[in-house]
């Protein structure tokens, strides 16, 4: 089993609706993770002392949050790619994380929220929340 560090992670997104995947790793300082969840439903009935759950048969990816340094100059920078106040976002974007040389997760996402985070004495950062939709591809 291989171990991978941040230097072997590649984050890509199509920078326009329906565009080609572009490596945006140089703008990303943190990612909250790619978290898969099985949907369950409370099935506790009267007389039980412990909660019970049943699986619904559905799964989902939790929202993906990327953070990094704000950049509005580059044609592939985060403000140009994610700022939903200034871009057209009528179709989903393809989001891909490559872990090392061969393992990856690819999923269509909606840009849910884009934030600029200024702070005294620090460089301005950005945060974008991506809502996965549909079935992810695990390779």
Foldseek 3Di string as FASTA:
>chain_A
DDDFDLVQKWKWKAQAAVHDIDTPSVFFDDKPDWDKAFDWDWPDDPPDPDTDIDTPPDMATDKMKTKGFADDPDCRGCCSRQVPVPGDFPHWMWIKMDGHDDWMKIFTWGFDDKDWADDPPDGIMIMTIIGTDDDIDID
